[in-house]
Amino acid sequence: MKKRALLGAAVLGLALLLAANLAAAAEFTLKFANPVAKDHSWGRAAEEFKKMVAEATKNRVEVQVHHSGALGKIRETLEMAKAGTVDLVLCGSGHLTAYVPELGIPVLPYLWKDREIMFQVLDGRFGDYIGARMEEKGFVSVAWWDNGFRHVSNNTRPVQAPGDLKGLKLRTLPTKVHVAFFKALGASPTPIDFTELFQAMQQGVVDGQENPPAMVYFNKFQEVQKFYSLTAHVNEPGNLVMSKVVYDKLPKDVRLAVMMAAEKATIWQREATEKDNNEFLKKLKEVGMKVNEVPKETIAEFRKTAQTVYAEALKDLGPGAKEMVDLLIWSNK
């Protein structure tokens, strides 16, 4: 009798445990494609977002974050998001210009005076306009994340004079204006997906690339790059987007909880990125990368070159691009 009682208690306990686990199981699971390392501020903020969503929805929603391009190349994951097979994708704005040409505006070379002005614009009506255009293409704009100002690294020479970029094979942002900009400076822009960039530099397919300090450090580019010149030519914001197919299927209260969690995670992420870029620029120097300031005269020449490609770029940036660009130039004076 005693054994039967113990066995009955064990079975009951197991049943209660299984019931508790079933009750705790997420009602919705969202796959999140992050193209960069888990330790980068994008990756860390994605993990914060995951926690915040679980808390805001009382564990009804589980966010599964896949780091370092584990779900595929950026273009592939964006296509999967359009189809509804990936729920959330994080990428630089340049990758979305194939769908929303106006996203080429925030990445015009030497447009932004500083990150504060950039986010005032992106968090305001311009960002709302971009969000509406994204929805037309199958994406919901969830958040604008920071990456920091990009600088040029290469294995040939430091960039000191305008002519120092001539002949360099550089992986640049996949936008027409950036290709035109670097071509005008004499470089040879080479399209390579970010997930394949380290190997391309290691094998000499390209001489260099352009990214912020934290992105360089966390992706170990310092192991295959010698020189890092502080050109600060663009701050490409990160876009956290959700599949519209998925978004439309979620209950309204879940949508609201996810978007509120994203706002909180965005505040966390922007602070982390600024801190990281300052810290990891120092670390790049410590590990032997030759970091140099670019003379003001050279930056001035780069700005002039950037202005020459704006006019040609405008025709590819959607209706009303000239008026928007003129307004943004004015706001950055």
Protein backbone atom coordinates (compact mmCIF):
# COMPACT_ATOMS: atom_id res chain seq x y z
CA MET A 1 0.00 0.00 0.00
CA LYS A 2 2.82 2.33 0.92
CA LYS A 3 4.56 1.72 -2.43
CA ARG A 4 1.32 2.33 -4.28
CA ALA A 5 0.83 5.60 -2.42
CA LEU A 6 4.37 6.72 -3.26
CA LEU A 7 3.91 5.74 -6.89
CA GLY A 8 0.60 7.59 -7.04
CA ALA A 9 2.20 10.68 -5.52
CA ALA A 10 5.05 10.51 -8.03
CA VAL A 11 2.65 10.21 -10.97
CA LEU A 12 0.58 13.10 -9.65
CA GLY A 13 3.71 15.21 -9.19
CA LEU A 14 4.86 14.45 -12.71
CA ALA A 15 1.43 15.33 -14.10
CA LEU A 16 1.42 18.63 -12.23
CA LEU A 17 4.93 19.41 -13.49
CA LEU A 18 3.94 18.68 -17.08
CA ALA A 19 0.83 20.80 -16.69
CA ALA A 20 2.89 23.67 -15.30
CA ASN A 21 5.33 23.44 -18.22
CA LEU A 22 2.48 23.42 -20.71
CA ALA A 23 0.93 26.43 -19.01
CA ALA A 24 4.28 28.25 -19.17
CA ALA A 25 4.86 27.43 -22.84
CA ALA A 26 4.90 30.44 -25.11
CA GLU A 27 1.80 31.10 -27.16
CA PHE A 28 3.85 32.81 -29.87
CA THR A 29 7.47 32.25 -30.96
CA LEU A 30 9.33 34.93 -32.91
CA LYS A 31 12.57 34.12 -34.77
CA PHE A 32 14.98 37.07 -34.70
CA ALA A 33 17.78 37.19 -37.31
CA ASN A 34 20.81 39.18 -36.10
CA PRO A 35 23.66 39.38 -38.66
CA VAL A 36 26.41 40.30 -36.20
CA ALA A 37 28.09 38.84 -33.13
CA LYS A 38 26.14 38.22 -29.93
CA ASP A 39 28.57 40.42 -27.97
CA HIS A 40 28.04 43.46 -30.21
CA SER A 41 25.53 45.99 -28.89
CA TRP A 42 23.04 44.82 -31.53
CA GLY A 43 23.33 41.27 -30.23
CA ARG A 44 23.20 42.28 -26.57
CA ALA A 45 20.22 44.56 -27.22
CA ALA A 46 18.47 41.71 -29.06
CA GLU A 47 18.84 39.61 -25.90
CA GLU A 48 17.51 42.50 -23.80
CA PHE A 49 14.58 42.82 -26.19
CA LYS A 50 13.90 39.09 -25.77
CA LYS A 51 13.69 39.49 -21.98
CA MET A 52 11.55 42.62 -22.22
CA VAL A 53 9.07 40.95 -24.59
CA ALA A 54 8.75 37.94 -22.28
CA GLU A 55 8.16 40.25 -19.32
CA ALA A 56 5.69 42.51 -21.13
CA THR A 57 3.64 39.57 -22.41
CA LYS A 58 3.92 37.45 -19.25
CA ASN A 59 5.80 34.81 -21.28
CA ARG A 60 3.11 34.55 -23.96
CA VAL A 61 5.77 35.50 -26.52
CA GLU A 62 9.20 33.89 -26.82
CA VAL A 63 11.82 35.64 -28.96
CA GLN A 64 14.47 33.26 -30.28
CA VAL A 65 17.56 35.27 -31.27
CA HIS A 66 19.86 33.79 -33.92
CA HIS A 67 23.19 35.63 -33.95
CA SER A 68 26.06 36.00 -36.46
CA GLY A 69 23.96 35.42 -39.55
CA ALA A 70 22.91 31.93 -38.44
CA LEU A 71 19.64 32.16 -40.40
CA GLY A 72 21.33 33.25 -43.63
CA LYS A 73 22.63 36.30 -45.43
CA ILE A 74 20.88 39.60 -44.75
CA ARG A 75 19.15 39.68 -48.14
CA GLU A 76 17.94 36.11 -47.59
CA THR A 77 16.51 36.85 -44.15
CA LEU A 78 14.72 39.94 -45.45
CA GLU A 79 13.10 37.83 -48.16
CA MET A 80 12.11 35.28 -45.51
CA ALA A 81 10.57 38.07 -43.45
CA LYS A 82 8.50 39.20 -46.43
CA ALA A 83 7.26 35.62 -46.76
CA GLY A 84 6.62 35.29 -43.02
CA THR A 85 9.14 32.49 -42.38
CA VAL A 86 11.42 34.75 -40.29
CA ASP A 87 9.71 37.11 -37.89
CA LEU A 88 12.28 39.80 -37.04
CA VAL A 89 15.35 40.96 -38.96
CA LEU A 90 18.02 43.42 -37.86
CA CYS A 91 20.12 45.02 -40.59
CA GLY A 92 21.74 48.24 -41.67
CA SER A 93 19.51 50.68 -43.56
CA GLY A 94 21.49 50.20 -46.74
CA HIS A 95 20.24 46.64 -47.10
CA LEU A 96 16.63 47.83 -47.22
CA THR A 97 17.14 50.31 -50.05
CA ALA A 98 16.34 47.52 -52.52
CA TYR A 99 12.78 47.64 -51.13
CA VAL A 100 12.46 51.24 -49.92
CA PRO A 101 14.69 53.60 -51.94
CA GLU A 102 14.12 56.45 -49.45
CA LEU A 103 16.27 54.54 -46.95
CA GLY A 104 19.21 55.66 -49.04
CA ILE A 105 18.68 59.18 -47.66
CA PRO A 106 19.89 58.51 -44.08
CA VAL A 107 23.08 56.94 -45.47
CA LEU A 108 24.11 59.78 -47.78
CA PRO A 109 27.84 60.36 -47.17
CA TYR A 110 28.57 63.22 -44.77
CA LEU A 111 24.90 64.07 -44.27
CA TRP A 112 24.71 63.92 -40.47
CA LYS A 113 26.43 66.39 -38.20
CA ASP A 114 26.08 64.05 -35.22
CA ARG A 115 24.03 61.08 -33.98
CA GLU A 116 21.70 63.28 -31.89
CA ILE A 117 20.36 65.10 -34.94
CA MET A 118 20.11 61.83 -36.85
CA PHE A 119 17.87 60.21 -34.24
CA GLN A 120 15.75 63.33 -33.82
CA VAL A 121 14.94 62.98 -37.52
CA LEU A 122 14.52 59.20 -37.57
CA ASP A 123 12.31 59.19 -34.47
CA GLY A 124 10.13 61.93 -35.95
CA ARG A 125 7.99 62.40 -39.05
CA PHE A 126 10.67 61.31 -41.48
CA GLY A 127 10.86 57.98 -39.65
CA ASP A 128 7.07 57.70 -39.75
CA TYR A 129 7.14 58.26 -43.51
CA ILE A 130 9.80 55.57 -43.94
CA GLY A 131 7.76 53.23 -41.75
CA ALA A 132 4.73 53.64 -44.00
CA ARG A 133 6.84 52.88 -47.07
CA MET A 134 8.22 49.76 -45.38
CA GLU A 135 4.72 48.45 -44.72
CA GLU A 136 3.96 48.74 -48.42
CA LYS A 137 6.87 46.36 -49.02
CA GLY A 138 5.96 43.80 -46.36
CA PHE A 139 7.92 45.06 -43.35
CA VAL A 140 6.91 46.73 -40.09
CA SER A 141 9.43 49.25 -38.76
CA VAL A 142 10.00 48.26 -35.14
CA ALA A 143 13.02 50.37 -34.14
CA TRP A 144 16.00 52.42 -35.31
CA TRP A 145 19.21 51.19 -33.65
CA ASP A 146 22.57 52.88 -33.60
CA ASN A 147 25.74 51.61 -35.22
CA GLY A 148 28.02 54.62 -35.00
CA PHE A 149 30.00 56.53 -37.58
CA ARG A 150 31.82 54.35 -40.08
CA HIS A 151 35.53 54.59 -40.84
CA VAL A 152 37.71 52.99 -43.51
CA SER A 153 40.08 50.12 -42.77
CA ASN A 154 42.47 48.52 -45.26
CA ASN A 155 45.70 46.57 -45.59
CA THR A 156 47.57 48.92 -47.92
CA ARG A 157 48.05 52.35 -46.32
CA PRO A 158 46.49 54.84 -43.91
CA VAL A 159 44.08 57.34 -45.43
CA GLN A 160 45.66 60.78 -45.00
CA ALA A 161 45.12 62.51 -48.34
CA PRO A 162 42.15 62.35 -50.76
CA GLY A 163 44.18 60.25 -53.18
CA ASP A 164 44.94 57.53 -50.62
CA LEU A 165 41.75 55.64 -51.46
CA LYS A 166 42.68 55.29 -55.13
CA GLY A 167 42.98 51.72 -56.28
CA LEU A 168 41.71 50.15 -53.05
CA LYS A 169 39.16 47.36 -53.34
CA LEU A 170 36.66 48.17 -50.59
CA ARG A 171 33.54 46.44 -49.41
CA THR A 172 31.11 49.32 -48.94
CA LEU A 173 27.44 49.77 -48.15
CA PRO A 174 25.25 48.15 -50.83
CA THR A 175 23.71 51.41 -52.00
CA LYS A 176 24.17 53.22 -55.31
CA VAL A 177 25.21 56.48 -53.67
CA HIS A 178 27.99 54.83 -51.66
CA VAL A 179 29.27 52.95 -54.67
CA ALA A 180 29.28 56.25 -56.61
CA PHE A 181 30.94 58.09 -53.70
CA PHE A 182 33.83 55.66 -53.33
CA LYS A 183 34.27 55.39 -57.08
CA ALA A 184 34.55 59.18 -57.23
CA LEU A 185 37.34 58.91 -54.63
CA GLY A 186 39.17 56.41 -56.84
CA ALA A 187 38.36 53.26 -54.86
CA SER A 188 36.86 50.08 -56.30
CA PRO A 189 33.66 49.28 -54.34
CA THR A 190 33.10 45.52 -54.16
CA PRO A 191 29.74 44.04 -53.12
CA ILE A 192 30.12 41.35 -50.42
CA ASP A 193 27.56 40.25 -47.85
CA PHE A 194 28.60 41.23 -44.34
CA THR A 195 28.54 37.60 -43.18
CA GLU A 196 31.26 36.79 -45.75
CA LEU A 197 33.42 39.88 -45.25
CA PHE A 198 36.03 38.51 -42.81
CA GLN A 199 36.93 35.67 -45.16
CA ALA A 200 37.02 38.00 -48.16
CA MET A 201 39.56 40.25 -46.41
CA GLN A 202 41.53 37.28 -45.13
CA GLN A 203 41.84 35.89 -48.66
CA GLY A 204 42.61 39.26 -50.24
CA VAL A 205 39.41 39.43 -52.28
CA VAL A 206 39.12 43.00 -50.98
CA ASP A 207 41.71 45.32 -49.44
CA GLY A 208 39.39 46.73 -46.83
CA GLN A 209 35.97 47.82 -45.63
CA GLU A 210 34.21 50.59 -43.68
CA ASN A 211 32.49 50.08 -40.33
CA PRO A 212 32.35 51.58 -36.81
CA PRO A 213 34.92 50.53 -34.15
CA ALA A 214 32.68 48.11 -32.26
CA MET A 215 31.65 46.34 -35.47
CA VAL A 216 35.31 46.02 -36.46
CA TYR A 217 36.35 44.70 -33.03
CA PHE A 218 33.56 42.21 -32.41
CA ASN A 219 33.91 40.73 -35.88
CA LYS A 220 37.70 40.45 -35.44
CA PHE A 221 38.49 42.52 -38.53
CA GLN A 222 41.63 43.73 -36.73
CA GLU A 223 43.05 40.25 -37.31
CA VAL A 224 42.99 40.77 -41.08
CA GLN A 225 43.30 44.58 -41.36
CA LYS A 226 46.27 46.84 -40.60
CA PHE A 227 45.08 50.43 -40.94
CA TYR A 228 41.97 52.17 -39.60
CA SER A 229 41.41 55.76 -40.70
CA LEU A 230 38.74 57.86 -38.96
CA THR A 231 36.83 59.12 -41.99
CA ALA A 232 33.44 59.29 -40.17
CA HIS A 233 31.72 59.43 -43.57
CA VAL A 234 28.34 58.00 -42.54
CA ASN A 235 26.37 56.65 -39.61
CA GLU A 236 24.21 53.88 -41.04
CA PRO A 237 21.38 53.27 -38.55
CA GLY A 238 20.22 49.75 -37.90
CA ASN A 239 16.66 48.81 -38.81
CA LEU A 240 14.81 46.30 -36.68
CA VAL A 241 11.92 45.16 -38.86
CA MET A 242 9.16 42.61 -38.41
CA SER A 243 7.43 40.60 -41.08
CA LYS A 244 4.11 42.31 -41.81
CA VAL A 245 2.60 38.89 -42.44
CA VAL A 246 3.51 37.91 -38.88
CA TYR A 247 2.65 41.27 -37.34
CA ASP A 248 -0.87 41.24 -38.78
CA LYS A 249 -1.53 37.81 -37.26
CA LEU A 250 -0.59 38.85 -33.72
CA PRO A 251 -3.31 40.02 -31.29
CA LYS A 252 -3.35 43.78 -30.76
CA ASP A 253 -2.23 43.53 -27.13
CA VAL A 254 0.77 41.41 -28.17
CA ARG A 255 1.70 43.87 -30.92
CA LEU A 256 1.61 46.72 -28.42
CA ALA A 257 3.73 44.79 -25.91
CA VAL A 258 6.34 43.94 -28.54
CA MET A 259 6.58 47.54 -29.76
CA MET A 260 6.86 48.90 -26.21
CA ALA A 261 9.60 46.38 -25.44
CA ALA A 262 11.39 47.51 -28.59
CA GLU A 263 11.29 51.14 -27.46
CA LYS A 264 12.88 50.21 -24.14
CA ALA A 265 15.50 48.03 -25.83
CA THR A 266 16.28 50.87 -28.25
CA ILE A 267 17.15 53.27 -25.42
CA TRP A 268 19.43 50.59 -23.97
CA GLN A 269 21.02 49.85 -27.34
CA ARG A 270 21.85 53.42 -28.31
CA GLU A 271 23.59 54.06 -25.01
CA ALA A 272 25.54 50.80 -25.32
CA THR A 273 26.70 51.56 -28.86
CA GLU A 274 28.10 54.96 -27.99
CA LYS A 275 29.98 53.50 -25.04
CA ASP A 276 31.22 50.53 -27.09
CA ASN A 277 32.57 52.58 -29.98
CA ASN A 278 34.61 54.76 -27.64
CA GLU A 279 35.92 51.75 -25.72
CA PHE A 280 36.71 49.54 -28.69
CA LEU A 281 38.49 52.24 -30.63
CA LYS A 282 41.01 52.21 -27.76
CA LYS A 283 41.16 48.40 -27.84
CA LEU A 284 41.85 48.37 -31.57
CA LYS A 285 44.89 50.55 -30.90
CA GLU A 286 45.96 48.29 -28.03
CA VAL A 287 45.93 45.15 -30.20
CA GLY A 288 48.15 46.81 -32.79
CA MET A 289 45.80 48.25 -35.39
CA LYS A 290 47.24 51.49 -36.75
CA VAL A 291 44.49 54.05 -36.09
CA ASN A 292 44.85 57.56 -37.52
CA GLU A 293 42.89 60.78 -37.53
CA VAL A 294 42.17 62.05 -41.04
CA PRO A 295 43.26 65.68 -41.63
CA LYS A 296 40.44 68.23 -41.71
CA GLU A 297 41.49 69.30 -45.21
CA THR A 298 41.03 65.75 -46.47
CA ILE A 299 37.62 65.43 -44.81
CA ALA A 300 36.63 68.71 -46.48
CA GLU A 301 37.58 67.25 -49.87
CA PHE A 302 35.62 64.09 -49.12
CA ARG A 303 32.57 66.24 -48.27
CA LYS A 304 32.85 68.08 -51.60
CA THR A 305 33.01 64.77 -53.43
CA ALA A 306 29.96 63.54 -51.51
CA GLN A 307 27.98 66.60 -52.61
CA THR A 308 28.80 65.86 -56.24
CA VAL A 309 27.15 62.42 -56.05
CA TYR A 310 24.01 63.64 -54.26
CA ALA A 311 22.42 65.03 -57.43
CA GLU A 312 22.86 61.75 -59.31
CA ALA A 313 21.64 59.75 -56.30
CA LEU A 314 18.42 61.73 -55.85
CA LYS A 315 16.67 60.14 -58.82
CA ASP A 316 16.99 56.74 -57.12
CA LEU A 317 15.75 57.86 -53.69
CA GLY A 318 12.02 58.01 -54.31
CA PRO A 319 9.54 60.87 -54.91
CA GLY A 320 10.21 64.05 -52.99
CA ALA A 321 13.81 63.03 -52.29
CA LYS A 322 15.31 66.42 -53.20
CA GLU A 323 13.02 68.29 -50.81
CA MET A 324 13.74 65.83 -48.00
CA VAL A 325 17.50 65.91 -48.56
CA ASP A 326 17.55 69.72 -48.75
CA LEU A 327 15.66 69.86 -45.43
CA LEU A 328 18.06 67.41 -43.79
CA ILE A 329 21.09 69.32 -45.03
CA TRP A 330 19.60 72.47 -43.55
CA SER A 331 18.88 70.73 -40.21
CA ASN A 332 22.53 69.61 -39.95
CA LYS A 333 24.04 73.08 -40.36
